[in-house]
Amino acid sequence: MSITIYHNPDCGTSRNTLAMIRQSGEEPEVILYLETPPSSETIEQLVAAAGLTLRQALRQKDTPFAELGLDNPGLDDEALLDAIKAHPILLNRPFVVTPKGVRLCRPSELVLDILPNPDIGPFTKEDGEVIIDQDGKRLV
């Protein structure tokens, strides 16, 4: 089974998502997208498959979003893609691709909706938030 995660190891949401994938019994292809940015075509495919617009896939926090004026609604997708290519941190993360679909996994537990085996057992996020309790009940 093939699973891919566009991952930033400095991001807690991305680390939690990767941990859930691994706890499901899968070892995904991990793409460190800040080091190896996806092509514009791949970004467009990921965003469309996740049911988002490119603007919805932009990360604002801790990025040059504001200083680049990306909040300007007049900017088209080409301008947004150019900004992401120049500053990959603008692409929100983590995007996860599985045979069941593509999701921007924010919050991280959204990955459970597309895992081939979503019954991963108890899971607690790094910050202590319980996602799945000891009885296997999903709490969020």
N, C-alpha and C. Protein backbone atom coordinates (compact mmCIF):
# COMPACT_ATOMS: atom_id res chain seq x y z
N MET A 1 0.86 -1.17 0.00
CA MET A 1 0.00 0.00 0.00
C MET A 1 0.91 1.23 0.00
N SER A 2 0.54 2.21 -0.77
CA SER A 2 1.39 3.39 -0.91
C SER A 2 0.76 4.60 -0.23
N ILE A 3 1.49 5.17 0.72
CA ILE A 3 1.07 6.39 1.41
C ILE A 3 2.22 7.37 1.33
N THR A 4 1.89 8.63 1.05
CA THR A 4 2.89 9.68 0.98
C THR A 4 2.46 10.80 1.91
N ILE A 5 3.43 11.34 2.65
CA ILE A 5 3.17 12.50 3.50
C ILE A 5 4.16 13.60 3.11
N TYR A 6 3.63 14.79 2.88
CA TYR A 6 4.46 15.97 2.67
C TYR A 6 4.67 16.56 4.05
N HIS A 7 5.86 16.36 4.58
CA HIS A 7 6.13 16.47 6.00
C HIS A 7 7.12 17.59 6.32
N ASN A 8 6.87 18.23 7.45
CA ASN A 8 7.81 19.18 8.04
C ASN A 8 8.08 18.67 9.46
N PRO A 9 9.27 18.14 9.73
CA PRO A 9 9.54 17.57 11.05
C PRO A 9 9.54 18.60 12.18
N ASP A 10 9.56 19.88 11.86
CA ASP A 10 9.49 20.92 12.89
C ASP A 10 8.05 21.25 13.29
N CYS A 11 7.09 20.63 12.64
CA CYS A 11 5.67 20.91 12.87
C CYS A 11 5.04 19.78 13.69
N GLY A 12 4.46 20.13 14.84
CA GLY A 12 3.81 19.13 15.69
C GLY A 12 2.66 18.43 15.01
N THR A 13 1.86 19.16 14.23
CA THR A 13 0.74 18.55 13.52
C THR A 13 1.26 17.51 12.54
N SER A 14 2.32 17.85 11.84
CA SER A 14 2.90 16.92 10.88
C SER A 14 3.49 15.70 11.59
N ARG A 15 4.17 15.91 12.70
CA ARG A 15 4.74 14.77 13.46
C ARG A 15 3.63 13.85 13.98
N ASN A 16 2.54 14.43 14.49
CA ASN A 16 1.42 13.61 14.98
C ASN A 16 0.79 12.82 13.85
N THR A 17 0.64 13.45 12.69
CA THR A 17 0.06 12.76 11.53
C THR A 17 0.94 11.58 11.12
N LEU A 18 2.23 11.82 11.04
CA LEU A 18 3.16 10.75 10.68
C LEU A 18 3.10 9.62 11.70
N ALA A 19 3.01 9.95 12.96
CA ALA A 19 2.93 8.92 14.01
C ALA A 19 1.66 8.07 13.86
N MET A 20 0.54 8.70 13.51
CA MET A 20 -0.71 7.94 13.32
C MET A 20 -0.59 7.01 12.11
N ILE A 21 0.02 7.50 11.03
CA ILE A 21 0.21 6.64 9.86
C ILE A 21 1.04 5.42 10.25
N ARG A 22 2.13 5.65 10.94
CA ARG A 22 3.00 4.54 11.33
C ARG A 22 2.31 3.60 12.31
N GLN A 23 1.51 4.15 13.21
CA GLN A 23 0.79 3.31 14.17
C GLN A 23 -0.26 2.46 13.47
N SER A 24 -0.69 2.88 12.27
CA SER A 24 -1.66 2.09 11.51
C SER A 24 -1.00 0.89 10.83
N GLY A 25 0.32 0.81 10.93
CA GLY A 25 1.04 -0.32 10.33
C GLY A 25 1.66 0.00 8.98
N GLU A 26 1.59 1.25 8.56
CA GLU A 26 2.14 1.65 7.27
C GLU A 26 3.42 2.46 7.47
N GLU A 27 4.36 2.30 6.58
CA GLU A 27 5.56 3.16 6.55
C GLU A 27 5.44 3.99 5.28
N PRO A 28 5.10 5.27 5.43
CA PRO A 28 4.86 6.09 4.25
C PRO A 28 6.14 6.58 3.59
N GLU A 29 5.99 7.04 2.37
CA GLU A 29 7.05 7.81 1.73
C GLU A 29 6.98 9.19 2.37
N VAL A 30 8.06 9.64 2.95
CA VAL A 30 8.10 10.92 3.63
C VAL A 30 8.84 11.91 2.73
N ILE A 31 8.12 12.92 2.29
CA ILE A 31 8.72 13.97 1.47
C ILE A 31 8.90 15.20 2.34
N LEU A 32 10.14 15.56 2.57
CA LEU A 32 10.46 16.76 3.35
C LEU A 32 10.31 17.93 2.38
N TYR A 33 9.10 18.45 2.29
CA TYR A 33 8.76 19.38 1.22
C TYR A 33 9.49 20.71 1.29
N LEU A 34 10.06 21.05 2.44
CA LEU A 34 10.84 22.28 2.50
C LEU A 34 12.21 22.08 1.84
N GLU A 35 12.71 20.84 1.88
CA GLU A 35 13.99 20.51 1.26
C GLU A 35 13.83 20.12 -0.21
N THR A 36 12.72 19.45 -0.50
CA THR A 36 12.42 18.99 -1.86
C THR A 36 11.00 19.45 -2.20
N PRO A 37 10.85 20.71 -2.57
CA PRO A 37 9.49 21.23 -2.83
C PRO A 37 8.84 20.52 -4.02
N PRO A 38 7.56 20.23 -3.90
CA PRO A 38 6.84 19.63 -5.03
C PRO A 38 6.71 20.64 -6.17
N SER A 39 6.54 20.14 -7.37
CA SER A 39 6.35 21.00 -8.52
C SER A 39 5.01 21.74 -8.40
N SER A 40 4.87 22.77 -9.17
CA SER A 40 3.59 23.51 -9.19
C SER A 40 2.46 22.58 -9.59
N GLU A 41 2.72 21.71 -10.56
CA GLU A 41 1.70 20.76 -11.01
C GLU A 41 1.28 19.82 -9.86
N THR A 42 2.26 19.33 -9.11
CA THR A 42 1.95 18.44 -7.98
C THR A 42 1.16 19.19 -6.91
N ILE A 43 1.55 20.42 -6.63
CA ILE A 43 0.80 21.22 -5.65
C ILE A 43 -0.65 21.38 -6.10
N GLU A 44 -0.84 21.72 -7.36
CA GLU A 44 -2.21 21.89 -7.87
C GLU A 44 -3.00 20.59 -7.75
N GLN A 45 -2.36 19.46 -8.04
CA GLN A 45 -3.04 18.16 -7.93
C GLN A 45 -3.40 17.83 -6.49
N LEU A 46 -2.47 18.05 -5.57
CA LEU A 46 -2.74 17.78 -4.15
C LEU A 46 -3.90 18.61 -3.65
N VAL A 47 -3.85 19.90 -3.94
CA VAL A 47 -4.87 20.83 -3.46
C VAL A 47 -6.24 20.45 -4.03
N ALA A 48 -6.30 20.18 -5.34
CA ALA A 48 -7.58 19.82 -5.97
C ALA A 48 -8.11 18.50 -5.41
N ALA A 49 -7.23 17.51 -5.26
CA ALA A 49 -7.66 16.20 -4.75
C ALA A 49 -8.16 16.30 -3.31
N ALA A 50 -7.63 17.25 -2.56
CA ALA A 50 -8.07 17.45 -1.17
C ALA A 50 -9.35 18.27 -1.11
N GLY A 51 -9.82 18.76 -2.25
CA GLY A 51 -11.06 19.54 -2.28
C GLY A 51 -10.88 20.97 -1.79
N LEU A 52 -9.67 21.50 -1.96
CA LEU A 52 -9.37 22.85 -1.49
C LEU A 52 -9.05 23.75 -2.68
N THR A 53 -9.06 25.04 -2.41
CA THR A 53 -8.51 25.99 -3.35
C THR A 53 -7.06 26.21 -2.97
N LEU A 54 -6.30 26.74 -3.89
CA LEU A 54 -4.90 27.02 -3.58
C LEU A 54 -4.79 28.01 -2.42
N ARG A 55 -5.67 28.98 -2.40
CA ARG A 55 -5.66 29.97 -1.32
C ARG A 55 -5.91 29.29 0.03
N GLN A 56 -6.79 28.28 0.07
CA GLN A 56 -7.07 27.57 1.32
C GLN A 56 -5.88 26.73 1.78
N ALA A 57 -4.98 26.41 0.86
CA ALA A 57 -3.82 25.59 1.20
C ALA A 57 -2.63 26.43 1.64
N LEU A 58 -2.78 27.74 1.64
CA LEU A 58 -1.69 28.61 2.06
C LEU A 58 -1.59 28.67 3.58
N ARG A 59 -0.37 28.65 4.06
CA ARG A 59 -0.12 28.82 5.48
C ARG A 59 0.22 30.27 5.74
N GLN A 60 -0.44 30.88 6.72
CA GLN A 60 -0.21 32.28 7.04
C GLN A 60 0.73 32.46 8.22
N LYS A 61 0.54 31.64 9.24
CA LYS A 61 1.32 31.77 10.47
C LYS A 61 2.79 31.39 10.24
N ASP A 62 3.69 32.21 10.77
CA ASP A 62 5.13 31.95 10.69
C ASP A 62 5.64 31.79 9.26
N THR A 63 5.06 32.57 8.35
CA THR A 63 5.49 32.56 6.95
C THR A 63 5.53 34.01 6.46
N PRO A 64 6.07 34.23 5.26
CA PRO A 64 6.06 35.59 4.69
C PRO A 64 4.73 35.96 4.02
N PHE A 65 3.64 35.29 4.37
CA PHE A 65 2.33 35.52 3.76
C PHE A 65 1.97 37.01 3.73
N ALA A 66 1.99 37.66 4.88
CA ALA A 66 1.56 39.06 4.96
C ALA A 66 2.52 39.98 4.23
N GLU A 67 3.81 39.79 4.44
CA GLU A 67 4.77 40.69 3.81
C GLU A 67 4.79 40.56 2.29
N LEU A 68 4.36 39.41 1.76
CA LEU A 68 4.26 39.23 0.31
C LEU A 68 2.92 39.71 -0.24
N GLY A 69 2.03 40.15 0.65
CA GLY A 69 0.72 40.64 0.21
C GLY A 69 -0.18 39.56 -0.34
N LEU A 70 -0.03 38.33 0.16
CA LEU A 70 -0.82 37.21 -0.36
C LEU A 70 -2.27 37.23 0.09
N ASP A 71 -2.62 38.16 0.96
CA ASP A 71 -4.02 38.31 1.35
C ASP A 71 -4.80 39.10 0.29
N ASN A 72 -4.13 39.57 -0.74
CA ASN A 72 -4.78 40.31 -1.82
C ASN A 72 -5.65 39.35 -2.63
N PRO A 73 -6.99 39.52 -2.59
CA PRO A 73 -7.87 38.60 -3.30
C PRO A 73 -7.72 38.68 -4.82
N GLY A 74 -7.04 39.70 -5.32
CA GLY A 74 -6.83 39.84 -6.75
C GLY A 74 -5.73 38.95 -7.31
N LEU A 75 -4.94 38.34 -6.43
CA LEU A 75 -3.88 37.47 -6.90
C LEU A 75 -4.46 36.16 -7.43
N ASP A 76 -4.00 35.76 -8.61
CA ASP A 76 -4.49 34.52 -9.19
C ASP A 76 -3.64 33.34 -8.71
N ASP A 77 -4.05 32.13 -9.10
CA ASP A 77 -3.35 30.93 -8.66
C ASP A 77 -1.90 30.91 -9.11
N GLU A 78 -1.63 31.45 -10.29
CA GLU A 78 -0.25 31.47 -10.78
C GLU A 78 0.64 32.28 -9.84
N ALA A 79 0.14 33.42 -9.38
CA ALA A 79 0.91 34.25 -8.45
C ALA A 79 1.10 33.52 -7.12
N LEU A 80 0.07 32.82 -6.66
CA LEU A 80 0.18 32.07 -5.40
C LEU A 80 1.18 30.92 -5.55
N LEU A 81 1.13 30.22 -6.69
CA LEU A 81 2.08 29.13 -6.93
C LEU A 81 3.51 29.67 -7.00
N ASP A 82 3.69 30.82 -7.63
CA ASP A 82 5.03 31.42 -7.68
C ASP A 82 5.54 31.72 -6.28
N ALA A 83 4.65 32.20 -5.41
CA ALA A 83 5.04 32.51 -4.03
C ALA A 83 5.42 31.23 -3.28
N ILE A 84 4.65 30.16 -3.48
CA ILE A 84 4.95 28.89 -2.83
C ILE A 84 6.27 28.33 -3.33
N LYS A 85 6.53 28.44 -4.64
CA LYS A 85 7.79 27.94 -5.19
C LYS A 85 8.97 28.69 -4.58
N ALA A 86 8.82 30.01 -4.38
CA ALA A 86 9.89 30.82 -3.80
C ALA A 86 10.02 30.60 -2.29
N HIS A 87 8.89 30.27 -1.64
CA HIS A 87 8.84 30.11 -0.18
C HIS A 87 7.99 28.88 0.14
N PRO A 88 8.54 27.66 0.05
CA PRO A 88 7.75 26.44 0.26
C PRO A 88 7.02 26.40 1.61
N ILE A 89 7.50 27.16 2.59
CA ILE A 89 6.85 27.18 3.90
C ILE A 89 5.41 27.69 3.80
N LEU A 90 5.08 28.35 2.68
CA LEU A 90 3.72 28.85 2.47
C LEU A 90 2.71 27.73 2.21
N LEU A 91 3.19 26.55 1.81
CA LEU A 91 2.27 25.43 1.59
C LEU A 91 1.96 24.81 2.95
N ASN A 92 0.69 24.81 3.28
CA ASN A 92 0.29 24.24 4.56
C ASN A 92 0.61 22.75 4.59
N ARG A 93 0.74 22.21 5.76
CA ARG A 93 1.11 20.81 5.93
C ARG A 93 0.41 20.21 7.12
N PRO A 94 0.38 18.90 7.10
CA PRO A 94 0.88 17.95 6.13
C PRO A 94 -0.21 17.52 5.14
N PHE A 95 0.15 17.45 3.89
CA PHE A 95 -0.72 16.79 2.91
C PHE A 95 -0.38 15.31 2.96
N VAL A 96 -1.40 14.47 2.94
CA VAL A 96 -1.21 13.02 2.95
C VAL A 96 -2.00 12.43 1.79
N VAL A 97 -1.34 11.53 1.06
CA VAL A 97 -1.94 10.85 -0.08
C VAL A 97 -1.99 9.36 0.24
N THR A 98 -3.19 8.78 0.15
CA THR A 98 -3.36 7.34 0.34
C THR A 98 -4.26 6.83 -0.78
N PRO A 99 -4.40 5.51 -0.91
CA PRO A 99 -5.33 4.99 -1.91
C PRO A 99 -6.79 5.43 -1.66
N LYS A 100 -7.08 5.89 -0.45
CA LYS A 100 -8.45 6.31 -0.12
C LYS A 100 -8.68 7.80 -0.31
N GLY A 101 -7.62 8.56 -0.66
CA GLY A 101 -7.82 9.98 -0.89
C GLY A 101 -6.64 10.83 -0.47
N VAL A 102 -6.85 12.13 -0.58
CA VAL A 102 -5.85 13.13 -0.22
C VAL A 102 -6.47 14.09 0.78
N ARG A 103 -5.72 14.42 1.82
CA ARG A 103 -6.19 15.38 2.82
C ARG A 103 -5.05 16.29 3.25
N LEU A 104 -5.43 17.53 3.54
CA LEU A 104 -4.56 18.40 4.31
C LEU A 104 -4.93 18.08 5.75
N CYS A 105 -4.05 17.44 6.47
CA CYS A 105 -4.37 16.88 7.79
C CYS A 105 -4.15 17.89 8.90
N ARG A 106 -5.01 18.89 8.91
CA ARG A 106 -5.07 19.89 9.98
C ARG A 106 -6.52 19.92 10.43
N PRO A 107 -6.84 19.37 11.54
CA PRO A 107 -5.96 18.76 12.54
C PRO A 107 -5.46 17.38 12.09
N SER A 108 -4.46 16.91 12.76
CA SER A 108 -3.77 15.68 12.37
C SER A 108 -4.68 14.46 12.30
N GLU A 109 -5.71 14.42 13.13
CA GLU A 109 -6.58 13.25 13.15
C GLU A 109 -7.40 13.08 11.87
N LEU A 110 -7.41 14.07 10.99
CA LEU A 110 -8.08 13.91 9.70
C LEU A 110 -7.46 12.79 8.88
N VAL A 111 -6.22 12.44 9.18
CA VAL A 111 -5.57 11.34 8.46
C VAL A 111 -6.32 10.03 8.67
N LEU A 112 -6.99 9.88 9.80
CA LEU A 112 -7.71 8.63 10.07
C LEU A 112 -8.79 8.36 9.03
N ASP A 113 -9.33 9.42 8.42
CA ASP A 113 -10.39 9.27 7.42
C ASP A 113 -9.89 8.65 6.12
N ILE A 114 -8.58 8.69 5.88
CA ILE A 114 -8.06 8.18 4.61
C ILE A 114 -7.05 7.04 4.78
N LEU A 115 -6.83 6.60 6.01
CA LEU A 115 -5.92 5.47 6.21
C LEU A 115 -6.60 4.16 5.83
N PRO A 116 -5.88 3.26 5.17
CA PRO A 116 -6.45 1.95 4.87
C PRO A 116 -6.86 1.20 6.14
N ASN A 117 -6.10 1.39 7.23
CA ASN A 117 -6.43 0.79 8.52
C ASN A 117 -6.55 1.91 9.56
N PRO A 118 -7.74 2.49 9.72
CA PRO A 118 -7.89 3.59 10.67
C PRO A 118 -7.99 3.15 12.13
N ASP A 119 -8.09 1.83 12.36
CA ASP A 119 -8.17 1.33 13.73
C ASP A 119 -6.76 1.18 14.28
N ILE A 120 -6.20 2.30 14.73
CA ILE A 120 -4.79 2.32 15.11
C ILE A 120 -4.56 2.08 16.61
N GLY A 121 -5.65 1.91 17.36
CA GLY A 121 -5.49 1.74 18.80
C GLY A 121 -5.40 3.10 19.48
N PRO A 122 -5.12 3.11 20.78
CA PRO A 122 -5.05 4.37 21.53
C PRO A 122 -4.00 5.30 20.93
N PHE A 123 -4.34 6.59 20.90
CA PHE A 123 -3.38 7.57 20.39
C PHE A 123 -3.55 8.89 21.13
N THR A 124 -2.42 9.41 21.60
CA THR A 124 -2.37 10.71 22.26
C THR A 124 -1.37 11.57 21.52
N LYS A 125 -1.79 12.79 21.20
CA LYS A 125 -0.90 13.72 20.51
C LYS A 125 0.25 14.13 21.43
N GLU A 126 1.26 14.70 20.83
CA GLU A 126 2.43 15.17 21.58
C GLU A 126 2.06 16.13 22.71
N ASP A 127 1.00 16.92 22.49
CA ASP A 127 0.61 17.91 23.50
C ASP A 127 -0.26 17.32 24.60
N GLY A 128 -0.51 16.02 24.55
CA GLY A 128 -1.30 15.36 25.58
C GLY A 128 -2.77 15.17 25.23
N GLU A 129 -3.22 15.72 24.10
CA GLU A 129 -4.62 15.56 23.70
C GLU A 129 -4.86 14.12 23.27
N VAL A 130 -5.85 13.48 23.90
CA VAL A 130 -6.19 12.10 23.56
C VAL A 130 -7.11 12.12 22.34
N ILE A 131 -6.69 11.44 21.29
CA ILE A 131 -7.47 11.35 20.06
C ILE A 131 -8.30 10.08 20.06
N ILE A 132 -7.67 8.97 20.47
CA ILE A 132 -8.34 7.68 20.57
C ILE A 132 -8.04 7.13 21.96
N ASP A 133 -9.10 6.82 22.71
CA ASP A 133 -8.89 6.36 24.09
C ASP A 133 -8.49 4.88 24.14
N GLN A 134 -8.30 4.38 25.35
CA GLN A 134 -7.85 3.00 25.56
C GLN A 134 -8.83 1.96 25.02
N ASP A 135 -10.11 2.38 24.87
CA ASP A 135 -11.12 1.46 24.35
C ASP A 135 -11.26 1.55 22.84
N GLY A 136 -10.41 2.35 22.20
CA GLY A 136 -10.47 2.49 20.76
C GLY A 136 -11.51 3.48 20.27
N LYS A 137 -12.06 4.25 21.21
CA LYS A 137 -13.09 5.24 20.84
C LYS A 137 -12.41 6.55 20.43
N ARG A 138 -12.79 7.01 19.24
CA ARG A 138 -12.25 8.27 18.73
C ARG A 138 -12.97 9.41 19.46
N LEU A 139 -12.17 10.27 20.10
CA LEU A 139 -12.72 11.32 20.95
C LEU A 139 -12.92 12.65 20.22
N VAL A 140 -12.29 12.81 19.07
CA VAL A 140 -12.46 14.05 18.32
C VAL A 140 -12.74 13.76 16.87
